[in-house]
Amino acid sequence: MRYKVSIVCLPILSVCCALTLISCVSPRYVKPEAREGRVFHPAQPPASGTQKWNPIWWVGNADDPVPPDWYRPGQSMRSMLWQLRNPLHNFTFYVIGVHDKDFVRRGISPQSVFRPKGGWNWTVIERGWLRLPFVSYEGKHVRWYALWREKGNFGLKFHRRRKD
């Protein structure tokens, strides 16, 4: 009897998990209001479309599949090195990011990653009920950021400044 309940509950649980994941990726949407201290970001889906459920697509760059002219001109394996430069671009922008959705970003300096004069910057992306945080700091010795950036993509970076 216990196994029959498990067999019935497993598909129901799977459907509930899938619906939760879908609602996180595409929450019910209400057009955001543009107010002071907020920046509206229009949806920018890739020209080739998205394949969010395809893990192979996650490891690629749908926005810039071909390296630009300035990137390693004349070097062998230029295209492969371009793809390795940011291998999870699609994943960070479109799977866990909201670059392909309309959203509003509000906070201290919502239009940029770092504040113009340095120090702490925090912002929140708002899309319907979904809230995605961001924090960055630029100081004398260190520069770092974490979570969802100004374009709606996820990112982490830590950079120590060189001693001059």
C-alpha atoms as a PDB file:
ATOM      1  CA  MET A   1       0.000   0.000   0.000  1.00  0.00           C
ATOM      2  CA  ARG A   2       2.812   2.398   0.881  1.00  0.00           C
ATOM      3  CA  TYR A   3       4.450   1.857  -2.539  1.00  0.00           C
ATOM      4  CA  LYS A   4       1.181   2.574  -4.373  1.00  0.00           C
ATOM      5  CA  VAL A   5       0.899   5.929  -2.622  1.00  0.00           C
ATOM      6  CA  SER A   6       4.519   6.724  -3.595  1.00  0.00           C
ATOM      7  CA  ILE A   7       3.862   5.830  -7.236  1.00  0.00           C
ATOM      8  CA  VAL A   8       0.831   8.134  -7.320  1.00  0.00           C
ATOM      9  CA  CYS A   9       2.494  10.982  -5.395  1.00  0.00           C
ATOM     10  CA  LEU A  10       5.692  11.046  -7.455  1.00  0.00           C
ATOM     11  CA  PRO A  11       4.075  12.323 -10.697  1.00  0.00           C
ATOM     12  CA  ILE A  12       2.010  14.871  -8.756  1.00  0.00           C
ATOM     13  CA  LEU A  13       5.119  16.096  -6.955  1.00  0.00           C
ATOM     14  CA  SER A  14       6.995  16.282 -10.271  1.00  0.00           C
ATOM     15  CA  VAL A  15       4.246  18.388 -11.848  1.00  0.00           C
ATOM     16  CA  CYS A  16       4.196  20.717  -8.825  1.00  0.00           C
ATOM     17  CA  CYS A  17       7.982  21.168  -9.016  1.00  0.00           C
ATOM     18  CA  ALA A  18       7.810  21.847 -12.768  1.00  0.00           C
ATOM     19  CA  LEU A  19       5.035  24.426 -12.313  1.00  0.00           C
ATOM     20  CA  THR A  20       7.036  26.137  -9.567  1.00  0.00           C
ATOM     21  CA  LEU A  21      10.106  26.301 -11.822  1.00  0.00           C
ATOM     22  CA  ILE A  22       8.069  27.654 -14.737  1.00  0.00           C
ATOM     23  CA  SER A  23       6.476  30.314 -12.526  1.00  0.00           C
ATOM     24  CA  CYS A  24       9.930  31.418 -11.339  1.00  0.00           C
ATOM     25  CA  VAL A  25      11.127  31.751 -14.926  1.00  0.00           C
ATOM     26  CA  SER A  26       7.918  33.368 -16.213  1.00  0.00           C
ATOM     27  CA  PRO A  27       5.932  34.936 -13.361  1.00  0.00           C
ATOM     28  CA  ARG A  28       2.587  36.573 -13.986  1.00  0.00           C
ATOM     29  CA  TYR A  29       3.443  39.892 -15.442  1.00  0.00           C
ATOM     30  CA  VAL A  30       2.144  43.352 -14.722  1.00  0.00           C
ATOM     31  CA  LYS A  31       3.699  46.160 -16.783  1.00  0.00           C
ATOM     32  CA  PRO A  32       6.044  48.079 -14.479  1.00  0.00           C
ATOM     33  CA  GLU A  33       5.685  51.766 -13.788  1.00  0.00           C
ATOM     34  CA  ALA A  34       8.628  54.028 -14.534  1.00  0.00           C
ATOM     35  CA  ARG A  35       9.356  56.176 -11.483  1.00  0.00           C
ATOM     36  CA  GLU A  36      12.299  58.161 -10.181  1.00  0.00           C
ATOM     37  CA  GLY A  37      15.116  55.905  -8.947  1.00  0.00           C
ATOM     38  CA  ARG A  38      14.005  53.098 -11.248  1.00  0.00           C
ATOM     39  CA  VAL A  39      15.171  51.944 -14.653  1.00  0.00           C
ATOM     40  CA  PHE A  40      12.901  50.080 -17.072  1.00  0.00           C
ATOM     41  CA  HIS A  41      14.599  47.287 -19.032  1.00  0.00           C
ATOM     42  CA  PRO A  42      12.673  46.118 -22.116  1.00  0.00           C
ATOM     43  CA  ALA A  43      12.727  42.434 -23.018  1.00  0.00           C
ATOM     44  CA  GLN A  44      15.665  41.504 -25.251  1.00  0.00           C
ATOM     45  CA  PRO A  45      15.327  37.888 -26.360  1.00  0.00           C
ATOM     46  CA  PRO A  46      18.102  36.487 -28.550  1.00  0.00           C
ATOM     47  CA  ALA A  47      17.485  36.594 -32.300  1.00  0.00           C
ATOM     48  CA  SER A  48      17.754  32.798 -32.524  1.00  0.00           C
ATOM     49  CA  GLY A  49      15.155  32.278 -29.785  1.00  0.00           C
ATOM     50  CA  THR A  50      15.624  30.480 -26.490  1.00  0.00           C
ATOM     51  CA  GLN A  51      15.771  26.809 -25.647  1.00  0.00           C
ATOM     52  CA  LYS A  52      15.654  27.124 -21.852  1.00  0.00           C
ATOM     53  CA  TRP A  53      14.905  23.441 -21.280  1.00  0.00           C
ATOM     54  CA  ASN A  54      17.880  22.260 -23.380  1.00  0.00           C
ATOM     55  CA  PRO A  55      21.038  21.957 -21.204  1.00  0.00           C
ATOM     56  CA  ILE A  56      23.237  21.872 -24.318  1.00  0.00           C
ATOM     57  CA  TRP A  57      21.936  25.342 -25.288  1.00  0.00           C
ATOM     58  CA  TRP A  58      22.919  26.672 -21.843  1.00  0.00           C
ATOM     59  CA  VAL A  59      26.600  26.262 -22.776  1.00  0.00           C
ATOM     60  CA  GLY A  60      26.698  28.808 -25.556  1.00  0.00           C
ATOM     61  CA  ASN A  61      26.279  32.423 -26.548  1.00  0.00           C
ATOM     62  CA  ALA A  62      23.100  33.122 -28.533  1.00  0.00           C
ATOM     63  CA  ASP A  63      23.714  36.890 -28.514  1.00  0.00           C
ATOM     64  CA  ASP A  64      27.243  36.833 -29.973  1.00  0.00           C
ATOM     65  CA  PRO A  65      27.913  33.395 -31.508  1.00  0.00           C
ATOM     66  CA  VAL A  66      30.690  34.768 -33.758  1.00  0.00           C
ATOM     67  CA  PRO A  67      33.654  36.635 -32.224  1.00  0.00           C
ATOM     68  CA  PRO A  68      33.848  40.355 -33.021  1.00  0.00           C
ATOM     69  CA  ASP A  69      36.716  41.716 -35.142  1.00  0.00           C
ATOM     70  CA  TRP A  70      38.592  43.107 -32.118  1.00  0.00           C
ATOM     71  CA  TYR A  71      38.803  39.701 -30.386  1.00  0.00           C
ATOM     72  CA  ARG A  72      42.183  38.008 -31.074  1.00  0.00           C
ATOM     73  CA  PRO A  73      42.457  38.959 -34.757  1.00  0.00           C
ATOM     74  CA  GLY A  74      44.407  36.455 -36.864  1.00  0.00           C
ATOM     75  CA  GLN A  75      44.856  33.883 -34.083  1.00  0.00           C
ATOM     76  CA  SER A  76      44.120  30.215 -34.596  1.00  0.00           C
ATOM     77  CA  MET A  77      41.176  28.728 -32.683  1.00  0.00           C
ATOM     78  CA  ARG A  78      39.715  32.227 -32.324  1.00  0.00           C
ATOM     79  CA  SER A  79      36.107  31.001 -32.483  1.00  0.00           C
ATOM     80  CA  MET A  80      36.624  28.253 -29.906  1.00  0.00           C
ATOM     81  CA  LEU A  81      38.379  30.657 -27.527  1.00  0.00           C
ATOM     82  CA  TRP A  82      35.469  33.094 -27.932  1.00  0.00           C
ATOM     83  CA  GLN A  83      32.998  30.408 -26.852  1.00  0.00           C
ATOM     84  CA  LEU A  84      35.206  29.450 -23.887  1.00  0.00           C
ATOM     85  CA  ARG A  85      35.448  33.092 -22.798  1.00  0.00           C
ATOM     86  CA  ASN A  86      31.949  32.996 -21.317  1.00  0.00           C
ATOM     87  CA  PRO A  87      30.677  29.432 -21.634  1.00  0.00           C
ATOM     88  CA  LEU A  88      27.473  29.891 -19.619  1.00  0.00           C
ATOM     89  CA  HIS A  89      26.236  33.088 -21.284  1.00  0.00           C
ATOM     90  CA  ASN A  90      22.840  31.655 -22.254  1.00  0.00           C
ATOM     91  CA  PHE A  91      22.404  30.084 -18.808  1.00  0.00           C
ATOM     92  CA  THR A  92      23.139  33.303 -16.890  1.00  0.00           C
ATOM     93  CA  PHE A  93      21.152  35.587 -19.230  1.00  0.00           C
ATOM     94  CA  TYR A  94      18.106  33.470 -20.129  1.00  0.00           C
ATOM     95  CA  VAL A  95      17.739  30.416 -17.864  1.00  0.00           C
ATOM     96  CA  ILE A  96      18.371  31.907 -14.412  1.00  0.00           C
ATOM     97  CA  GLY A  97      18.407  35.488 -15.690  1.00  0.00           C
ATOM     98  CA  VAL A  98      15.562  37.673 -16.977  1.00  0.00           C
ATOM     99  CA  HIS A  99      17.278  39.460 -19.880  1.00  0.00           C
ATOM    100  CA  ASP A 100      14.525  38.264 -22.234  1.00  0.00           C
ATOM    101  CA  LYS A 101      11.740  39.690 -20.017  1.00  0.00           C
ATOM    102  CA  ASP A 102      10.548  43.221 -19.243  1.00  0.00           C
ATOM    103  CA  PHE A 103      11.562  44.306 -15.746  1.00  0.00           C
ATOM    104  CA  VAL A 104      12.270  47.318 -13.550  1.00  0.00           C
ATOM    105  CA  ARG A 105      15.500  47.717 -11.609  1.00  0.00           C
ATOM    106  CA  ARG A 106      15.470  49.989  -8.570  1.00  0.00           C
ATOM    107  CA  GLY A 107      18.037  50.904  -5.964  1.00  0.00           C
ATOM    108  CA  ILE A 108      20.956  53.230  -5.312  1.00  0.00           C
ATOM    109  CA  SER A 109      22.380  53.248  -8.857  1.00  0.00           C
ATOM    110  CA  PRO A 110      20.021  51.036 -10.891  1.00  0.00           C
ATOM    111  CA  GLN A 111      21.462  51.864 -14.315  1.00  0.00           C
ATOM    112  CA  SER A 112      24.944  50.445 -13.607  1.00  0.00           C
ATOM    113  CA  VAL A 113      26.868  47.702 -11.840  1.00  0.00           C
ATOM    114  CA  PHE A 114      28.978  50.082  -9.729  1.00  0.00           C
ATOM    115  CA  ARG A 115      28.183  53.511  -8.300  1.00  0.00           C
ATOM    116  CA  PRO A 116      29.837  56.332 -10.281  1.00  0.00           C
ATOM    117  CA  LYS A 117      31.939  57.448  -7.290  1.00  0.00           C
ATOM    118  CA  GLY A 118      32.528  53.999  -5.771  1.00  0.00           C
ATOM    119  CA  GLY A 119      31.236  52.504  -2.531  1.00  0.00           C
ATOM    120  CA  TRP A 120      28.261  50.206  -2.052  1.00  0.00           C
ATOM    121  CA  ASN A 121      25.551  49.717  -4.646  1.00  0.00           C
ATOM    122  CA  TRP A 122      22.454  47.610  -4.145  1.00  0.00           C
ATOM    123  CA  THR A 123      19.521  47.136  -6.463  1.00  0.00           C
ATOM    124  CA  VAL A 124      16.525  44.867  -6.907  1.00  0.00           C
ATOM    125  CA  ILE A 125      15.027  43.638 -10.166  1.00  0.00           C
ATOM    126  CA  GLU A 126      11.226  43.608 -10.046  1.00  0.00           C
ATOM    127  CA  ARG A 127       9.156  41.502 -12.405  1.00  0.00           C
ATOM    128  CA  GLY A 128       5.638  40.869 -11.163  1.00  0.00           C
ATOM    129  CA  TRP A 129       6.074  39.296  -7.723  1.00  0.00           C
ATOM    130  CA  LEU A 130       9.614  38.100  -8.501  1.00  0.00           C
ATOM    131  CA  ARG A 131      12.463  39.996  -6.784  1.00  0.00           C
ATOM    132  CA  LEU A 132      16.111  39.433  -7.775  1.00  0.00           C
ATOM    133  CA  PRO A 133      18.745  41.189  -5.618  1.00  0.00           C
ATOM    134  CA  PHE A 134      22.122  42.642  -6.549  1.00  0.00           C
ATOM    135  CA  VAL A 135      24.984  44.065  -4.494  1.00  0.00           C
ATOM    136  CA  SER A 136      28.356  45.528  -5.472  1.00  0.00           C
ATOM    137  CA  TYR A 137      31.232  47.326  -3.822  1.00  0.00           C
ATOM    138  CA  GLU A 138      34.077  49.357  -5.246  1.00  0.00           C
ATOM    139  CA  GLY A 139      36.742  50.451  -2.813  1.00  0.00           C
ATOM    140  CA  LYS A 140      40.395  51.348  -2.674  1.00  0.00           C
ATOM    141  CA  HIS A 141      41.628  47.722  -2.643  1.00  0.00           C
ATOM    142  CA  VAL A 142      38.788  45.628  -4.013  1.00  0.00           C
ATOM    143  CA  ARG A 143      35.986  45.662  -6.567  1.00  0.00           C
ATOM    144  CA  TRP A 144      33.245  42.981  -6.556  1.00  0.00           C
ATOM    145  CA  TYR A 145      29.630  42.253  -7.424  1.00  0.00           C
ATOM    146  CA  ALA A 146      27.172  39.417  -6.928  1.00  0.00           C
ATOM    147  CA  LEU A 147      23.725  38.285  -8.113  1.00  0.00           C
ATOM    148  CA  TRP A 148      21.510  39.786 -10.891  1.00  0.00           C
ATOM    149  CA  ARG A 149      23.162  42.597 -12.845  1.00  0.00           C
ATOM    150  CA  GLU A 150      21.774  45.597 -14.776  1.00  0.00           C
ATOM    151  CA  LYS A 151      20.833  43.566 -17.863  1.00  0.00           C
ATOM    152  CA  GLY A 152      18.998  40.900 -15.863  1.00  0.00           C
ATOM    153  CA  ASN A 153      21.811  38.347 -16.059  1.00  0.00           C
ATOM    154  CA  PHE A 154      23.315  36.537 -13.086  1.00  0.00           C
ATOM    155  CA  GLY A 155      26.960  37.221 -12.315  1.00  0.00           C
ATOM    156  CA  LEU A 156      29.713  36.972  -9.716  1.00  0.00           C
ATOM    157  CA  LYS A 157      33.059  38.766  -9.790  1.00  0.00           C
ATOM    158  CA  PHE A 158      35.803  39.537  -7.286  1.00  0.00           C
ATOM    159  CA  HIS A 159      38.781  41.646  -8.294  1.00  0.00           C
ATOM    160  CA  ARG A 160      41.632  42.848  -6.084  1.00  0.00           C
ATOM    161  CA  ARG A 161      43.266  46.051  -7.210  1.00  0.00           C
ATOM    162  CA  ARG A 162      46.990  46.089  -7.891  1.00  0.00           C
ATOM    163  CA  LYS A 163      49.272  48.018  -5.601  1.00  0.00           C
ATOM    164  CA  ASP A 164      50.838  50.896  -7.535  1.00  0.00           C
END
